[in-house]
Amino acid sequence: MKKHIALENKKVTYTLKKSKRARRVRLAVYCDGTIVVTAPYDLQETVAEKFIREKSRWLFSKIAFFKQFHGRPITRYSQKDYLRYRENALSLVEDKARQLSEEHSYSYNKINIKNQKTRWGSCSRKGNLNFNYKILFLPERIQEYIVAHELCHLREFNHSKKFWKLVSKMVPDYAVVKSDLKKSGIVFH
């Protein structure tokens, strides 16, 4: 459902999606300027609006980031690309996960490669690791960070200080790499 909110004397249009699976409010800005707020089904709209206001600085920075690409082609990925690159991505991720697991004594169940729209990776409570096939197009140090990040979720299923300490053991400069990933400009379309 389309909504409008006034932020810094500007009218911002966003789509509010209510989800029974959502546990918290999530704000996303896509390369075409679309803004989507996903919120728990029972959350009041005023709480979602408050969240948007609190994140307005971040929101405008993302909009400005994507405006720099206006008029220039942005690489788009298709189902055909996913099918073409899935096996290569699986091989890459399996190698990195095996190497990091042996070095740091981790074990996981299985690895899946998916065509995700908003995530680089995820970890299930069953010990399965999922990765976006587009990891293949990232610099190697960012690939390693993403794999390390998901492996660490096998021990800490959150983003607590303990979790980041585990990540730092595998990728000592993870904060720099994480920042580079955000600046990479890789989009999920």
N, C-alpha and C. Protein backbone atom coordinates (compact mmCIF):
# COMPACT_ATOMS: atom_id res chain seq x y z
N MET A 1 0.84 -1.15 0.00
CA MET A 1 0.00 0.00 0.00
C MET A 1 0.90 1.24 0.00
N LYS A 2 0.64 2.15 -0.95
CA LYS A 2 1.44 3.37 -1.10
C LYS A 2 1.09 4.36 0.00
N LYS A 3 2.14 4.96 0.56
CA LYS A 3 1.99 5.94 1.63
C LYS A 3 2.88 7.14 1.33
N HIS A 4 2.60 8.25 1.98
CA HIS A 4 3.41 9.46 1.83
C HIS A 4 3.80 9.97 3.21
N ILE A 5 4.99 10.55 3.28
CA ILE A 5 5.47 11.13 4.52
C ILE A 5 6.31 12.36 4.17
N ALA A 6 6.21 13.39 4.98
CA ALA A 6 7.02 14.59 4.77
C ALA A 6 8.30 14.47 5.60
N LEU A 7 9.44 14.54 4.92
CA LEU A 7 10.75 14.46 5.57
C LEU A 7 11.60 15.61 5.06
N GLU A 8 12.11 16.43 5.97
CA GLU A 8 12.98 17.55 5.60
C GLU A 8 12.39 18.37 4.47
N ASN A 9 11.12 18.72 4.62
CA ASN A 9 10.38 19.53 3.64
C ASN A 9 10.25 18.87 2.27
N LYS A 10 10.36 17.55 2.22
CA LYS A 10 10.19 16.80 0.98
C LYS A 10 9.12 15.75 1.19
N LYS A 11 8.31 15.56 0.16
CA LYS A 11 7.29 14.51 0.21
C LYS A 11 7.92 13.22 -0.29
N VAL A 12 7.93 12.20 0.55
CA VAL A 12 8.52 10.91 0.21
C VAL A 12 7.40 9.89 0.10
N THR A 13 7.39 9.17 -1.01
CA THR A 13 6.40 8.11 -1.23
C THR A 13 7.08 6.77 -0.98
N TYR A 14 6.40 5.92 -0.23
CA TYR A 14 6.94 4.60 0.06
C TYR A 14 5.83 3.57 0.03
N THR A 15 6.21 2.33 -0.09
CA THR A 15 5.25 1.22 -0.05
C THR A 15 5.38 0.56 1.31
N LEU A 16 4.25 0.40 1.98
CA LEU A 16 4.24 -0.28 3.28
C LEU A 16 3.74 -1.70 3.07
N LYS A 17 4.59 -2.66 3.42
CA LYS A 17 4.22 -4.07 3.32
C LYS A 17 4.11 -4.63 4.73
N LYS A 18 2.97 -5.19 5.06
CA LYS A 18 2.78 -5.84 6.36
C LYS A 18 3.01 -7.33 6.17
N SER A 19 3.82 -7.90 7.05
CA SER A 19 4.17 -9.31 6.92
C SER A 19 3.98 -10.04 8.25
N LYS A 20 3.36 -11.19 8.19
CA LYS A 20 3.20 -12.01 9.39
C LYS A 20 4.52 -12.63 9.81
N ARG A 21 5.48 -12.72 8.86
CA ARG A 21 6.79 -13.31 9.16
C ARG A 21 7.78 -12.28 9.71
N ALA A 22 7.53 -11.00 9.44
CA ALA A 22 8.48 -9.96 9.88
C ALA A 22 8.47 -9.83 11.39
N ARG A 23 9.67 -9.71 11.96
CA ARG A 23 9.79 -9.54 13.41
C ARG A 23 10.12 -8.11 13.77
N ARG A 24 10.60 -7.34 12.78
CA ARG A 24 10.98 -5.96 13.03
C ARG A 24 10.72 -5.14 11.77
N VAL A 25 10.83 -3.84 11.88
CA VAL A 25 10.63 -2.95 10.75
C VAL A 25 11.90 -2.95 9.90
N ARG A 26 11.73 -2.99 8.59
CA ARG A 26 12.86 -2.99 7.66
C ARG A 26 12.61 -1.94 6.59
N LEU A 27 13.63 -1.16 6.29
CA LEU A 27 13.55 -0.10 5.29
C LEU A 27 14.50 -0.42 4.16
N ALA A 28 14.02 -0.39 2.92
CA ALA A 28 14.88 -0.69 1.77
C ALA A 28 14.69 0.39 0.71
N VAL A 29 15.79 0.76 0.07
CA VAL A 29 15.76 1.68 -1.06
C VAL A 29 16.36 0.93 -2.24
N TYR A 30 15.64 0.89 -3.35
CA TYR A 30 16.10 0.18 -4.53
C TYR A 30 16.66 1.15 -5.56
N CYS A 31 17.37 0.61 -6.53
CA CYS A 31 18.11 1.45 -7.49
C CYS A 31 17.19 2.35 -8.31
N ASP A 32 15.92 2.00 -8.44
CA ASP A 32 15.00 2.85 -9.21
C ASP A 32 14.36 3.93 -8.33
N GLY A 33 14.81 4.03 -7.07
CA GLY A 33 14.28 5.03 -6.15
C GLY A 33 13.08 4.56 -5.34
N THR A 34 12.63 3.35 -5.58
CA THR A 34 11.50 2.80 -4.83
C THR A 34 11.90 2.59 -3.37
N ILE A 35 11.01 3.00 -2.48
CA ILE A 35 11.25 2.84 -1.04
C ILE A 35 10.20 1.87 -0.51
N VAL A 36 10.66 0.83 0.20
CA VAL A 36 9.75 -0.18 0.74
C VAL A 36 10.01 -0.34 2.23
N VAL A 37 8.94 -0.26 3.00
CA VAL A 37 9.00 -0.51 4.44
C VAL A 37 8.24 -1.80 4.69
N THR A 38 8.93 -2.77 5.29
CA THR A 38 8.30 -4.04 5.65
C THR A 38 8.17 -4.04 7.17
N ALA A 39 6.98 -4.32 7.66
CA ALA A 39 6.73 -4.25 9.10
C ALA A 39 5.92 -5.47 9.54
N PRO A 40 6.06 -5.82 10.84
CA PRO A 40 5.21 -6.89 11.37
C PRO A 40 3.73 -6.57 11.14
N TYR A 41 2.96 -7.57 10.91
CA TYR A 41 1.56 -7.42 10.55
C TYR A 41 0.77 -6.57 11.55
N ASP A 42 1.06 -6.72 12.84
CA ASP A 42 0.28 -6.03 13.87
C ASP A 42 0.86 -4.68 14.29
N LEU A 43 1.89 -4.22 13.61
CA LEU A 43 2.53 -2.96 13.97
C LEU A 43 1.70 -1.78 13.47
N GLN A 44 1.55 -0.77 14.32
CA GLN A 44 0.79 0.42 13.94
C GLN A 44 1.60 1.23 12.92
N GLU A 45 0.90 1.84 11.98
CA GLU A 45 1.56 2.63 10.94
C GLU A 45 2.36 3.79 11.52
N THR A 46 1.93 4.32 12.64
CA THR A 46 2.66 5.45 13.24
C THR A 46 4.05 5.01 13.69
N VAL A 47 4.19 3.77 14.10
CA VAL A 47 5.51 3.25 14.50
C VAL A 47 6.40 3.14 13.27
N ALA A 48 5.84 2.69 12.16
CA ALA A 48 6.60 2.60 10.90
C ALA A 48 7.04 3.99 10.46
N GLU A 49 6.16 4.97 10.57
CA GLU A 49 6.51 6.35 10.20
C GLU A 49 7.62 6.89 11.10
N LYS A 50 7.54 6.59 12.38
CA LYS A 50 8.58 7.04 13.31
C LYS A 50 9.93 6.43 12.91
N PHE A 51 9.91 5.17 12.52
CA PHE A 51 11.13 4.48 12.10
C PHE A 51 11.72 5.17 10.87
N ILE A 52 10.87 5.50 9.90
CA ILE A 52 11.33 6.19 8.69
C ILE A 52 11.96 7.53 9.05
N ARG A 53 11.32 8.28 9.95
CA ARG A 53 11.87 9.58 10.37
C ARG A 53 13.24 9.41 11.02
N GLU A 54 13.38 8.38 11.86
CA GLU A 54 14.68 8.13 12.51
C GLU A 54 15.76 7.75 11.51
N LYS A 55 15.36 7.12 10.42
CA LYS A 55 16.31 6.67 9.40
C LYS A 55 16.37 7.62 8.21
N SER A 56 15.83 8.83 8.34
CA SER A 56 15.74 9.74 7.20
C SER A 56 17.11 10.09 6.62
N ARG A 57 18.09 10.26 7.45
CA ARG A 57 19.44 10.58 6.96
C ARG A 57 19.97 9.45 6.08
N TRP A 58 19.83 8.22 6.58
CA TRP A 58 20.26 7.05 5.82
C TRP A 58 19.46 6.96 4.52
N LEU A 59 18.15 7.17 4.62
CA LEU A 59 17.26 7.09 3.47
C LEU A 59 17.69 8.05 2.37
N PHE A 60 17.93 9.31 2.72
CA PHE A 60 18.34 10.30 1.72
C PHE A 60 19.72 9.99 1.15
N SER A 61 20.60 9.41 1.95
CA SER A 61 21.93 9.05 1.44
C SER A 61 21.81 7.94 0.39
N LYS A 62 20.91 6.98 0.62
CA LYS A 62 20.71 5.90 -0.35
C LYS A 62 20.07 6.43 -1.63
N ILE A 63 19.11 7.32 -1.50
CA ILE A 63 18.48 7.91 -2.67
C ILE A 63 19.52 8.67 -3.49
N ALA A 64 20.38 9.44 -2.81
CA ALA A 64 21.44 10.19 -3.50
C ALA A 64 22.42 9.23 -4.18
N PHE A 65 22.74 8.12 -3.49
CA PHE A 65 23.66 7.14 -4.06
C PHE A 65 23.12 6.61 -5.39
N PHE A 66 21.86 6.23 -5.43
CA PHE A 66 21.29 5.66 -6.64
C PHE A 66 21.08 6.71 -7.72
N LYS A 67 20.90 7.97 -7.35
CA LYS A 67 20.74 9.03 -8.35
C LYS A 67 21.98 9.18 -9.21
N GLN A 68 23.15 8.85 -8.67
CA GLN A 68 24.38 8.98 -9.45
C GLN A 68 24.37 8.05 -10.67
N PHE A 69 23.54 7.02 -10.65
CA PHE A 69 23.47 6.09 -11.77
C PHE A 69 22.38 6.46 -12.77
N HIS A 70 21.63 7.51 -12.47
CA HIS A 70 20.51 7.91 -13.32
C HIS A 70 20.98 8.12 -14.76
N GLY A 71 20.32 7.43 -15.67
CA GLY A 71 20.66 7.57 -17.07
C GLY A 71 21.79 6.65 -17.53
N ARG A 72 22.44 6.01 -16.60
CA ARG A 72 23.51 5.08 -16.97
C ARG A 72 23.00 3.66 -16.76
N PRO A 73 23.48 2.74 -17.56
CA PRO A 73 22.99 1.36 -17.40
C PRO A 73 23.47 0.75 -16.08
N ILE A 74 22.58 0.03 -15.45
CA ILE A 74 22.91 -0.73 -14.24
C ILE A 74 22.79 -2.19 -14.62
N THR A 75 23.77 -2.96 -14.25
CA THR A 75 23.74 -4.38 -14.59
C THR A 75 22.50 -5.01 -13.97
N ARG A 76 21.77 -5.69 -14.79
CA ARG A 76 20.59 -6.40 -14.31
C ARG A 76 20.86 -7.89 -14.46
N TYR A 77 20.40 -8.63 -13.49
CA TYR A 77 20.62 -10.07 -13.50
C TYR A 77 19.29 -10.76 -13.75
N SER A 78 19.34 -11.82 -14.53
CA SER A 78 18.11 -12.53 -14.88
C SER A 78 18.17 -13.96 -14.35
N GLN A 79 17.06 -14.65 -14.50
CA GLN A 79 16.99 -16.07 -14.13
C GLN A 79 18.00 -16.86 -14.96
N LYS A 80 18.18 -16.44 -16.20
CA LYS A 80 19.16 -17.10 -17.09
C LYS A 80 20.57 -16.95 -16.53
N ASP A 81 20.90 -15.75 -16.01
CA ASP A 81 22.21 -15.53 -15.39
C ASP A 81 22.38 -16.43 -14.18
N TYR A 82 21.32 -16.52 -13.37
CA TYR A 82 21.37 -17.37 -12.18
C TYR A 82 21.70 -18.82 -12.59
N LEU A 83 21.00 -19.32 -13.57
CA LEU A 83 21.23 -20.70 -14.02
C LEU A 83 22.64 -20.87 -14.60
N ARG A 84 23.13 -19.84 -15.27
CA ARG A 84 24.45 -19.90 -15.88
C ARG A 84 25.56 -19.88 -14.83
N TYR A 85 25.41 -19.08 -13.77
CA TYR A 85 26.49 -18.88 -12.81
C TYR A 85 26.36 -19.64 -11.49
N ARG A 86 25.23 -20.30 -11.28
CA ARG A 86 24.96 -20.98 -10.01
C ARG A 86 26.05 -21.97 -9.63
N GLU A 87 26.46 -22.83 -10.56
CA GLU A 87 27.47 -23.85 -10.26
C GLU A 87 28.83 -23.23 -9.93
N ASN A 88 29.20 -22.18 -10.66
CA ASN A 88 30.47 -21.50 -10.38
C ASN A 88 30.43 -20.87 -8.98
N ALA A 89 29.30 -20.28 -8.64
CA ALA A 89 29.15 -19.67 -7.32
C ALA A 89 29.22 -20.74 -6.23
N LEU A 90 28.59 -21.88 -6.47
CA LEU A 90 28.62 -22.98 -5.50
C LEU A 90 30.05 -23.46 -5.29
N SER A 91 30.78 -23.64 -6.35
CA SER A 91 32.17 -24.08 -6.25
C SER A 91 33.01 -23.09 -5.45
N LEU A 92 32.85 -21.81 -5.76
CA LEU A 92 33.60 -20.76 -5.07
C LEU A 92 33.29 -20.76 -3.57
N VAL A 93 32.00 -20.78 -3.24
CA VAL A 93 31.58 -20.71 -1.84
C VAL A 93 32.00 -21.97 -1.09
N GLU A 94 31.86 -23.14 -1.71
CA GLU A 94 32.27 -24.38 -1.05
C GLU A 94 33.76 -24.35 -0.72
N ASP A 95 34.57 -23.86 -1.65
CA ASP A 95 36.02 -23.77 -1.40
C ASP A 95 36.32 -22.85 -0.23
N LYS A 96 35.70 -21.67 -0.23
CA LYS A 96 35.95 -20.70 0.84
C LYS A 96 35.43 -21.20 2.18
N ALA A 97 34.25 -21.81 2.18
CA ALA A 97 33.67 -22.32 3.43
C ALA A 97 34.51 -23.47 3.99
N ARG A 98 34.98 -24.34 3.10
CA ARG A 98 35.81 -25.48 3.53
C ARG A 98 37.11 -24.96 4.16
N GLN A 99 37.75 -24.02 3.48
CA GLN A 99 39.02 -23.47 3.97
C GLN A 99 38.84 -22.77 5.32
N LEU A 100 37.84 -21.89 5.42
CA LEU A 100 37.61 -21.17 6.68
C LEU A 100 37.18 -22.12 7.79
N SER A 101 36.36 -23.12 7.46
CA SER A 101 35.89 -24.08 8.47
C SER A 101 37.04 -24.90 9.04
N GLU A 102 37.96 -25.30 8.17
CA GLU A 102 39.11 -26.08 8.64
C GLU A 102 40.03 -25.22 9.51
N GLU A 103 40.26 -23.98 9.10
CA GLU A 103 41.15 -23.08 9.85
C GLU A 103 40.59 -22.70 11.22
N HIS A 104 39.24 -22.61 11.32
CA HIS A 104 38.63 -22.09 12.55
C HIS A 104 37.69 -23.09 13.24
N SER A 105 37.75 -24.35 12.83
CA SER A 105 36.98 -25.43 13.46
C SER A 105 35.46 -25.19 13.46
N TYR A 106 34.92 -24.94 12.30
CA TYR A 106 33.47 -24.81 12.14
C TYR A 106 32.99 -26.01 11.35
N SER A 107 31.72 -26.36 11.54
CA SER A 107 31.12 -27.38 10.68
C SER A 107 29.72 -26.92 10.31
N TYR A 108 29.35 -27.22 9.11
CA TYR A 108 28.03 -26.83 8.60
C TYR A 108 27.41 -28.03 7.92
N ASN A 109 26.13 -27.95 7.67
CA ASN A 109 25.40 -29.06 7.05
C ASN A 109 25.58 -29.03 5.54
N LYS A 110 24.87 -28.12 4.85
CA LYS A 110 25.03 -28.04 3.40
C LYS A 110 24.98 -26.59 2.94
N ILE A 111 25.44 -26.37 1.73
CA ILE A 111 25.48 -25.03 1.13
C ILE A 111 24.53 -24.99 -0.06
N ASN A 112 23.73 -23.94 -0.11
CA ASN A 112 22.82 -23.73 -1.24
C ASN A 112 23.13 -22.39 -1.89
N ILE A 113 22.96 -22.33 -3.18
CA ILE A 113 23.11 -21.08 -3.92
C ILE A 113 21.73 -20.66 -4.38
N LYS A 114 21.38 -19.42 -4.10
CA LYS A 114 20.03 -18.93 -4.42
C LYS A 114 20.11 -17.65 -5.23
N ASN A 115 18.98 -17.27 -5.77
CA ASN A 115 18.85 -16.02 -6.51
C ASN A 115 18.05 -15.07 -5.63
N GLN A 116 18.70 -14.56 -4.60
CA GLN A 116 18.03 -13.72 -3.62
C GLN A 116 18.02 -12.26 -4.08
N LYS A 117 16.99 -11.54 -3.68
CA LYS A 117 16.87 -10.14 -4.09
C LYS A 117 17.52 -9.18 -3.11
N THR A 118 17.60 -9.54 -1.85
CA THR A 118 18.06 -8.56 -0.86
C THR A 118 19.15 -9.06 0.08
N ARG A 119 19.64 -10.26 -0.11
CA ARG A 119 20.63 -10.81 0.83
C ARG A 119 21.83 -11.39 0.09
N TRP A 120 22.96 -11.29 0.75
CA TRP A 120 24.17 -11.95 0.24
C TRP A 120 24.26 -13.36 0.79
N GLY A 121 23.72 -13.59 1.97
CA GLY A 121 23.80 -14.91 2.56
C GLY A 121 22.86 -15.04 3.73
N SER A 122 22.67 -16.27 4.17
CA SER A 122 21.88 -16.54 5.37
C SER A 122 22.31 -17.89 5.93
N CYS A 123 21.94 -18.11 7.19
CA CYS A 123 22.29 -19.34 7.90
C CYS A 123 21.05 -19.84 8.60
N SER A 124 20.76 -21.13 8.47
CA SER A 124 19.59 -21.69 9.15
C SER A 124 20.03 -22.35 10.45
N ARG A 125 19.08 -22.55 11.33
CA ARG A 125 19.37 -23.20 12.62
C ARG A 125 19.77 -24.66 12.42
N LYS A 126 19.50 -25.22 11.25
CA LYS A 126 19.90 -26.60 10.95
C LYS A 126 21.35 -26.67 10.46
N GLY A 127 22.00 -25.50 10.37
CA GLY A 127 23.39 -25.48 9.93
C GLY A 127 23.57 -25.40 8.42
N ASN A 128 22.50 -25.06 7.72
CA ASN A 128 22.60 -24.88 6.27
C ASN A 128 22.97 -23.43 5.96
N LEU A 129 23.86 -23.26 4.99
CA LEU A 129 24.30 -21.94 4.58
C LEU A 129 23.77 -21.65 3.19
N ASN A 130 23.19 -20.47 3.02
CA ASN A 130 22.66 -20.05 1.73
C ASN A 130 23.40 -18.81 1.27
N PHE A 131 23.72 -18.76 -0.02
CA PHE A 131 24.44 -17.62 -0.57
C PHE A 131 23.81 -17.18 -1.88
N ASN A 132 23.88 -15.90 -2.12
CA ASN A 132 23.41 -15.31 -3.36
C ASN A 132 24.44 -15.62 -4.45
N TYR A 133 23.99 -16.07 -5.61
CA TYR A 133 24.93 -16.41 -6.68
C TYR A 133 25.77 -15.21 -7.13
N LYS A 134 25.28 -13.99 -6.88
CA LYS A 134 26.00 -12.77 -7.30
C LYS A 134 27.28 -12.55 -6.48
N ILE A 135 27.48 -13.37 -5.44
CA ILE A 135 28.74 -13.30 -4.68
C ILE A 135 29.93 -13.51 -5.64
N LEU A 136 29.67 -14.23 -6.71
CA LEU A 136 30.69 -14.52 -7.71
C LEU A 136 31.28 -13.25 -8.33
N PHE A 137 30.51 -12.16 -8.36
CA PHE A 137 30.93 -10.93 -9.03
C PHE A 137 31.58 -9.92 -8.08
N LEU A 138 31.77 -10.31 -6.84
CA LEU A 138 32.38 -9.41 -5.84
C LEU A 138 33.88 -9.65 -5.74
N PRO A 139 34.61 -8.64 -5.24
CA PRO A 139 36.05 -8.86 -4.99
C PRO A 139 36.25 -10.00 -3.98
N GLU A 140 37.38 -10.66 -4.09
CA GLU A 140 37.64 -11.85 -3.26
C GLU A 140 37.55 -11.57 -1.77
N ARG A 141 38.08 -10.46 -1.31
CA ARG A 141 38.05 -10.20 0.14
C ARG A 141 36.61 -10.00 0.64
N ILE A 142 35.72 -9.49 -0.22
CA ILE A 142 34.32 -9.34 0.17
C ILE A 142 33.63 -10.71 0.15
N GLN A 143 33.98 -11.54 -0.82
CA GLN A 143 33.44 -12.91 -0.86
C GLN A 143 33.78 -13.64 0.44
N GLU A 144 35.05 -13.53 0.83
CA GLU A 144 35.51 -14.20 2.05
C GLU A 144 34.78 -13.68 3.28
N TYR A 145 34.56 -12.38 3.34
CA TYR A 145 33.84 -11.78 4.47
C TYR A 145 32.42 -12.35 4.54
N ILE A 146 31.72 -12.43 3.42
CA ILE A 146 30.34 -12.92 3.41
C ILE A 146 30.28 -14.37 3.90
N VAL A 147 31.20 -15.20 3.42
CA VAL A 147 31.23 -16.61 3.85
C VAL A 147 31.56 -16.69 5.34
N ALA A 148 32.54 -15.92 5.80
CA ALA A 148 32.91 -15.91 7.22
C ALA A 148 31.73 -15.46 8.07
N HIS A 149 31.04 -14.43 7.63
CA HIS A 149 29.88 -13.89 8.35
C HIS A 149 28.84 -15.00 8.59
N GLU A 150 28.52 -15.74 7.54
CA GLU A 150 27.51 -16.79 7.69
C GLU A 150 28.01 -17.95 8.53
N LEU A 151 29.27 -18.31 8.41
CA LEU A 151 29.83 -19.36 9.25
C LEU A 151 29.74 -18.97 10.73
N CYS A 152 30.02 -17.74 11.04
CA CYS A 152 29.97 -17.29 12.44
C CYS A 152 28.57 -17.37 13.02
N HIS A 153 27.55 -17.28 12.15
CA HIS A 153 26.17 -17.44 12.63
C HIS A 153 25.90 -18.86 13.12
N LEU A 154 26.74 -19.80 12.76
CA LEU A 154 26.57 -21.16 13.26
C LEU A 154 26.79 -21.22 14.77
N ARG A 155 27.60 -20.29 15.29
CA ARG A 155 27.86 -20.24 16.74
C ARG A 155 27.08 -19.14 17.44
N GLU A 156 26.85 -18.05 16.77
CA GLU A 156 26.08 -16.93 17.33
C GLU A 156 25.03 -16.55 16.30
N PHE A 157 23.78 -16.89 16.60
CA PHE A 157 22.70 -16.67 15.65
C PHE A 157 22.11 -15.28 15.82
N ASN A 158 22.98 -14.27 15.83
CA ASN A 158 22.58 -12.88 16.04
C ASN A 158 23.73 -11.98 15.59
N HIS A 159 23.63 -10.70 15.86
CA HIS A 159 24.71 -9.76 15.54
C HIS A 159 25.21 -9.09 16.81
N SER A 160 25.44 -9.88 17.83
CA SER A 160 25.92 -9.38 19.12
C SER A 160 27.42 -9.10 19.06
N LYS A 161 27.96 -8.56 20.15
CA LYS A 161 29.41 -8.32 20.23
C LYS A 161 30.17 -9.63 20.09
N LYS A 162 29.62 -10.71 20.68
CA LYS A 162 30.25 -12.03 20.56
C LYS A 162 30.36 -12.45 19.10
N PHE A 163 29.28 -12.20 18.35
CA PHE A 163 29.26 -12.55 16.94
C PHE A 163 30.37 -11.81 16.18
N TRP A 164 30.45 -10.49 16.37
CA TRP A 164 31.44 -9.69 15.64
C TRP A 164 32.86 -10.05 16.06
N LYS A 165 33.01 -10.50 17.28
CA LYS A 165 34.33 -10.96 17.72
C LYS A 165 34.74 -12.22 16.95
N LEU A 166 33.78 -13.11 16.73
CA LEU A 166 34.05 -14.32 15.93
C LEU A 166 34.42 -13.93 14.50
N VAL A 167 33.68 -12.97 13.93
CA VAL A 167 33.97 -12.53 12.56
C VAL A 167 35.38 -11.94 12.49
N SER A 168 35.75 -11.17 13.51
CA SER A 168 37.07 -10.52 13.49
C SER A 168 38.22 -11.54 13.54
N LYS A 169 37.96 -12.72 14.08
CA LYS A 169 39.00 -13.76 14.09
C LYS A 169 39.25 -14.29 12.68
N MET A 170 38.22 -14.31 11.86
CA MET A 170 38.37 -14.79 10.48
C MET A 170 38.77 -13.66 9.53
N VAL A 171 38.19 -12.49 9.75
CA VAL A 171 38.44 -11.34 8.87
C VAL A 171 38.75 -10.15 9.77
N PRO A 172 40.02 -9.98 10.15
CA PRO A 172 40.39 -8.92 11.10
C PRO A 172 39.93 -7.51 10.70
N ASP A 173 39.92 -7.21 9.41
CA ASP A 173 39.48 -5.87 8.96
C ASP A 173 38.04 -5.89 8.44
N TYR A 174 37.19 -6.74 9.07
CA TYR A 174 35.82 -6.92 8.59
C TYR A 174 35.05 -5.60 8.48
N ALA A 175 35.29 -4.64 9.37
CA ALA A 175 34.54 -3.38 9.33
C ALA A 175 34.83 -2.62 8.03
N VAL A 176 36.07 -2.65 7.59
CA VAL A 176 36.45 -1.99 6.33
C VAL A 176 35.82 -2.73 5.16
N VAL A 177 35.89 -4.05 5.19
CA VAL A 177 35.34 -4.86 4.10
C VAL A 177 33.82 -4.69 4.04
N LYS A 178 33.18 -4.68 5.19
CA LYS A 178 31.73 -4.49 5.27
C LYS A 178 31.34 -3.14 4.66
N SER A 179 32.12 -2.12 4.97
CA SER A 179 31.89 -0.79 4.41
C SER A 179 32.07 -0.79 2.90
N ASP A 180 33.10 -1.48 2.43
CA ASP A 180 33.36 -1.57 0.98
C ASP A 180 32.20 -2.28 0.27
N LEU A 181 31.64 -3.28 0.92
CA LEU A 181 30.50 -4.00 0.34
C LEU A 181 29.33 -3.04 0.15
N LYS A 182 29.07 -2.22 1.16
CA LYS A 182 27.96 -1.27 1.07
C LYS A 182 28.20 -0.24 -0.04
N LYS A 183 29.46 0.10 -0.26
CA LYS A 183 29.80 1.10 -1.28
C LYS A 183 29.95 0.50 -2.67
N SER A 184 29.89 -0.81 -2.77
CA SER A 184 30.21 -1.49 -4.04
C SER A 184 29.28 -1.10 -5.19
N GLY A 185 28.06 -0.72 -4.85
CA GLY A 185 27.13 -0.37 -5.92
C GLY A 185 26.51 -1.57 -6.61
N ILE A 186 26.82 -2.78 -6.13
CA ILE A 186 26.20 -3.97 -6.71
C ILE A 186 24.74 -3.95 -6.30
N VAL A 187 23.86 -4.07 -7.28
CA VAL A 187 22.44 -4.07 -6.99
C VAL A 187 21.86 -5.45 -7.26
N PHE A 188 20.74 -5.73 -6.66
CA PHE A 188 20.17 -7.07 -6.69
C PHE A 188 19.11 -7.27 -7.77
N HIS A 189 19.12 -6.49 -8.83
CA HIS A 189 18.08 -6.63 -9.84
C HIS A 189 18.54 -7.48 -10.99
